[in-house]
Amino acid sequence: MAPLLLVTLATVGGILQACFVRADRVGAYRRAAVLKGLAALAFVLVGATGATGAAGMAEAPRPEAVAICLGLALGAVGDVLHALRFLWPVRKRLLFNVGAASFLLGHLAYLAAVVPACAAPAWGLAASCTLATAVDVAVLPRLGVQSRTELVAGGAYLAVTSAVVGFAVAGAAAVALAPTAPTAFARLVSGVTLAVGTAAFLSSDVMLAINNFGGVNSRRLRATSLGTYYAGQMLIALSLAV
């Protein structure tokens, strides 16, 4: 029953997100807000179903799974707030900033999950620092941000997102290179799914930053960013089902 439920939720969520992107492109922001909230609910339910199913009826979900579910929920809150900012232009900046803070807290929850679970923490730290530096150096100079506070906040946000990717990738690589064990394949699939999901999330954030603050303002790039973001969140949720 659980695999069928997961497939159904993931499929419905993808359809809802595609409908949201279409509504967003034509400026139907009220409909877009509803669709975005429902799509976000889908990946939250996928994560919760995966976490409880993997734990079994007699066990509580692992702390890492709980942290990922928290990250998914915070991402859903950020989704709703960012959608609502188009309905209340007067509060647009406030809703965007609070939504961004919710996404940041979600990334910190993901970080709390991937760091303890990483089988190669030294490599995870090295990968995180390297990736964070590369992303900040490549992205920050392209942003038309006048405030030093906003620039520092943006750099910190991208650094945290990069750290999640670094530890997730290092963890998946460590499992792939470890001696074969009965649970190695399932752990590898879960780790790779999580790593790809976090990388997609980071790619989406980079596209969003360049499009919104780099003077690009491309509808196509926005649609690509929204699609990549949702794929990332859904993959992160599905990593709990393995």
Protein backbone atom coordinates (compact mmCIF):
# COMPACT_ATOMS: atom_id res chain seq x y z
CA MET A 1 0.00 0.00 0.00
CA ALA A 2 2.78 2.44 0.91
CA PRO A 3 4.61 2.23 -2.48
CA LEU A 4 1.34 2.86 -4.33
CA LEU A 5 0.55 5.78 -2.04
CA LEU A 6 4.01 7.25 -2.58
CA VAL A 7 3.74 6.96 -6.37
CA THR A 8 0.28 8.52 -6.28
CA LEU A 9 1.37 11.42 -4.08
CA ALA A 10 4.50 12.07 -6.15
CA THR A 11 2.52 11.99 -9.41
CA VAL A 12 -0.25 14.25 -8.12
CA GLY A 13 2.34 16.62 -6.66
CA GLY A 14 4.17 16.86 -9.97
CA ILE A 15 0.94 17.61 -11.82
CA LEU A 16 -0.04 20.27 -9.27
CA GLN A 17 3.38 21.89 -9.54
CA ALA A 18 3.16 21.95 -13.34
CA CYS A 19 -0.27 23.59 -13.07
CA PHE A 20 1.16 26.09 -10.58
CA VAL A 21 4.00 27.05 -12.92
CA ARG A 22 1.50 27.60 -15.72
CA ALA A 23 -0.75 29.74 -13.52
CA ASP A 24 2.27 31.72 -12.31
CA ARG A 25 3.40 32.42 -15.88
CA VAL A 26 0.02 33.88 -16.86
CA GLY A 27 -0.33 35.93 -13.68
CA ALA A 28 -3.19 33.94 -12.13
CA TYR A 29 -1.67 34.39 -8.69
CA ARG A 30 -4.68 33.39 -6.59
CA ARG A 31 -4.95 30.05 -8.35
CA ALA A 32 -1.17 29.72 -8.30
CA ALA A 33 -1.06 30.14 -4.51
CA VAL A 34 -3.59 27.35 -3.99
CA LEU A 35 -1.81 25.02 -6.42
CA LYS A 36 1.59 25.72 -4.89
CA GLY A 37 0.31 24.99 -1.39
CA LEU A 38 -1.23 21.69 -2.51
CA ALA A 39 1.92 20.69 -4.39
CA ALA A 40 4.01 21.43 -1.30
CA LEU A 41 1.63 19.37 0.83
CA ALA A 42 2.25 16.46 -1.53
CA PHE A 43 6.02 16.34 -0.91
CA VAL A 44 5.48 16.77 2.82
CA LEU A 45 3.13 13.76 2.79
CA VAL A 46 5.61 11.74 0.72
CA GLY A 47 8.32 12.45 3.29
CA ALA A 48 6.08 11.59 6.24
CA THR A 49 4.88 8.38 4.56
CA GLY A 50 8.42 7.35 3.69
CA ALA A 51 9.74 8.09 7.19
CA THR A 52 7.01 6.16 9.01
CA GLY A 53 7.00 3.32 6.49
CA ALA A 54 10.77 2.83 6.70
CA ALA A 55 10.66 2.84 10.50
CA GLY A 56 7.94 0.23 10.70
CA MET A 57 4.90 0.19 12.91
CA ALA A 58 6.80 -0.67 16.10
CA GLU A 59 9.56 1.94 15.78
CA ALA A 60 9.81 5.70 15.83
CA PRO A 61 11.32 7.33 12.72
CA ARG A 62 15.09 7.89 12.80
CA PRO A 63 16.21 11.37 13.95
CA GLU A 64 17.61 12.05 10.47
CA ALA A 65 14.21 11.26 8.94
CA VAL A 66 12.46 13.54 11.41
CA ALA A 67 14.89 16.36 10.53
CA ILE A 68 14.24 15.88 6.82
CA CYS A 69 10.47 15.92 7.38
CA LEU A 70 10.90 19.16 9.33
CA GLY A 71 12.90 20.60 6.43
CA LEU A 72 10.16 19.61 3.99
CA ALA A 73 7.49 21.24 6.18
CA LEU A 74 9.51 24.46 6.46
CA GLY A 75 9.96 24.43 2.69
CA ALA A 76 6.19 24.14 2.28
CA VAL A 77 5.71 27.18 4.54
CA GLY A 78 8.23 29.10 2.43
CA ASP A 79 6.37 28.05 -0.72
CA VAL A 80 3.06 29.40 0.56
CA LEU A 81 4.57 32.68 1.77
CA HIS A 82 6.35 33.29 -1.53
CA ALA A 83 3.12 32.59 -3.42
CA LEU A 84 1.11 34.92 -1.21
CA ARG A 85 3.44 37.85 -1.81
CA PHE A 86 1.91 38.33 -5.25
CA LEU A 87 -1.56 38.64 -3.70
CA TRP A 88 -0.50 41.29 -1.16
CA PRO A 89 1.93 43.63 -2.95
CA VAL A 90 2.11 45.89 0.11
CA ARG A 91 3.56 43.00 2.12
CA LYS A 92 5.57 41.58 -0.77
CA ARG A 93 9.02 42.23 0.66
CA LEU A 94 8.06 41.03 4.15
CA LEU A 95 6.50 37.81 2.82
CA PHE A 96 9.54 37.16 0.64
CA ASN A 97 11.98 37.67 3.52
CA VAL A 98 9.99 35.53 5.97
CA GLY A 99 9.63 32.86 3.30
CA ALA A 100 13.37 32.95 2.66
CA ALA A 101 13.98 32.58 6.41
CA SER A 102 11.69 29.54 6.42
CA PHE A 103 13.68 28.01 3.55
CA LEU A 104 16.92 28.73 5.43
CA LEU A 105 15.58 26.95 8.52
CA GLY A 106 14.59 24.08 6.26
CA HIS A 107 18.14 23.85 4.91
CA LEU A 108 19.47 23.85 8.47
CA ALA A 109 17.12 20.97 9.24
CA TYR A 110 18.49 19.11 6.22
CA LEU A 111 22.00 19.87 7.43
CA ALA A 112 21.11 18.42 10.84
CA ALA A 113 20.09 15.25 9.00
CA VAL A 114 23.00 14.82 6.57
CA VAL A 115 25.92 15.72 8.84
CA PRO A 116 25.40 12.98 11.50
CA ALA A 117 24.49 10.45 8.80
CA CYS A 118 27.56 11.17 6.65
CA ALA A 119 29.96 8.22 6.71
CA ALA A 120 32.86 10.47 5.61
CA PRO A 121 32.44 13.72 7.60
CA ALA A 122 35.91 15.04 6.74
CA TRP A 123 35.21 14.68 3.04
CA GLY A 124 31.77 16.16 3.60
CA LEU A 125 33.26 19.24 5.25
CA ALA A 126 35.83 19.63 2.48
CA ALA A 127 33.21 19.26 -0.24
CA SER A 128 30.89 21.70 1.52
CA CYS A 129 33.52 24.40 1.93
CA THR A 130 34.72 24.02 -1.67
CA LEU A 131 31.23 24.10 -3.13
CA ALA A 132 30.08 26.99 -0.92
CA THR A 133 33.10 29.08 -1.93
CA ALA A 134 32.62 28.30 -5.62
CA VAL A 135 28.90 29.13 -5.56
CA ASP A 136 29.34 32.38 -3.63
CA VAL A 137 32.20 33.54 -5.86
CA ALA A 138 30.22 32.70 -9.01
CA VAL A 139 26.84 34.08 -7.94
CA LEU A 140 27.25 36.99 -5.52
CA PRO A 141 29.08 39.37 -7.93
CA ARG A 142 26.19 38.95 -10.40
CA LEU A 143 23.55 40.11 -7.93
CA GLY A 144 22.46 43.72 -7.93
CA VAL A 145 22.18 43.86 -4.14
CA GLN A 146 23.06 47.25 -2.69
CA SER A 147 22.90 46.42 1.03
CA ARG A 148 25.91 44.70 2.55
CA THR A 149 23.58 42.98 5.01
CA GLU A 150 21.53 41.48 2.18
CA LEU A 151 24.70 40.40 0.38
CA VAL A 152 26.03 38.65 3.50
CA ALA A 153 22.65 37.04 4.12
CA GLY A 154 22.49 35.80 0.53
CA GLY A 155 26.02 34.42 0.72
CA ALA A 156 25.26 32.63 4.00
CA TYR A 157 22.06 31.17 2.56
CA LEU A 158 23.86 29.78 -0.49
CA ALA A 159 26.68 28.49 1.74
CA VAL A 160 24.24 26.53 3.93
CA THR A 161 22.51 25.11 0.85
CA SER A 162 25.91 24.13 -0.57
CA ALA A 163 26.88 22.47 2.72
CA VAL A 164 23.79 20.27 2.56
CA VAL A 165 24.82 19.15 -0.93
CA GLY A 166 28.45 18.58 0.09
CA PHE A 167 27.61 16.30 3.02
CA ALA A 168 24.88 14.48 1.08
CA VAL A 169 27.20 13.77 -1.85
CA ALA A 170 30.08 12.72 0.43
CA GLY A 171 27.75 10.40 2.34
CA ALA A 172 26.48 8.76 -0.85
CA ALA A 173 30.02 8.36 -2.17
CA ALA A 174 31.17 6.78 1.11
CA VAL A 175 28.37 4.21 0.92
CA ALA A 176 29.20 3.47 -2.74
CA LEU A 177 32.87 2.84 -1.90
CA ALA A 178 32.23 0.84 1.29
CA PRO A 179 32.48 -2.98 1.40
CA THR A 180 29.29 -4.71 0.32
CA ALA A 181 26.71 -5.19 3.07
CA PRO A 182 23.15 -6.57 3.02
CA THR A 183 21.68 -3.08 3.31
CA ALA A 184 24.29 -1.34 1.15
CA PHE A 185 22.20 -1.11 -2.01
CA ALA A 186 19.18 0.41 -0.27
CA ARG A 187 21.42 2.89 1.56
CA LEU A 188 23.13 3.77 -1.71
CA VAL A 189 19.85 4.38 -3.52
CA SER A 190 18.60 6.50 -0.63
CA GLY A 191 21.87 8.44 -0.43
CA VAL A 192 22.04 9.10 -4.17
CA THR A 193 18.39 10.18 -4.24
CA LEU A 194 19.04 12.59 -1.38
CA ALA A 195 22.23 13.93 -2.97
CA VAL A 196 20.56 14.54 -6.35
CA GLY A 197 17.60 16.19 -4.60
CA THR A 198 19.78 18.58 -2.60
CA ALA A 199 21.81 19.41 -5.72
CA ALA A 200 18.61 20.21 -7.61
CA PHE A 201 17.50 22.47 -4.74
CA LEU A 202 20.83 24.33 -4.86
CA SER A 203 20.59 24.71 -8.64
CA SER A 204 17.12 26.15 -8.24
CA ASP A 205 18.31 28.65 -5.63
CA VAL A 206 21.14 29.78 -7.90
CA MET A 207 18.74 30.28 -10.82
CA LEU A 208 16.29 32.11 -8.57
CA ALA A 209 18.99 34.44 -7.23
CA ILE A 210 20.32 35.31 -10.68
CA ASN A 211 16.84 35.76 -12.13
CA ASN A 212 15.44 37.86 -9.28
CA PHE A 213 18.47 39.87 -8.21
CA GLY A 214 20.81 39.63 -11.21
CA GLY A 215 18.64 41.64 -13.55
CA VAL A 216 17.69 38.71 -15.80
CA ASN A 217 13.91 38.58 -15.13
CA SER A 218 13.31 35.65 -17.48
CA ARG A 219 9.97 33.83 -17.26
CA ARG A 220 11.58 30.74 -18.74
CA LEU A 221 14.36 30.75 -16.15
CA ARG A 222 11.78 31.25 -13.38
CA ALA A 223 9.75 28.29 -14.64
CA THR A 224 12.90 26.15 -14.84
CA SER A 225 13.89 27.18 -11.33
CA LEU A 226 10.44 26.32 -9.94
CA GLY A 227 10.44 22.93 -11.66
CA THR A 228 13.96 22.11 -10.49
CA TYR A 229 13.09 23.16 -6.96
CA TYR A 230 10.06 20.89 -6.82
CA ALA A 231 11.99 17.94 -8.26
CA GLY A 232 14.62 18.50 -5.57
CA GLN A 233 12.12 18.59 -2.72
CA MET A 234 10.31 15.50 -4.01
CA LEU A 235 13.59 13.55 -4.36
CA ILE A 236 14.59 14.55 -0.83
CA ALA A 237 11.20 13.28 0.38
CA LEU A 238 11.49 10.05 -1.63
CA SER A 239 14.94 9.36 -0.15
CA LEU A 240 13.11 8.48 3.08
CA ALA A 241 11.11 5.75 1.36
CA VAL A 242 14.11 3.53 0.59
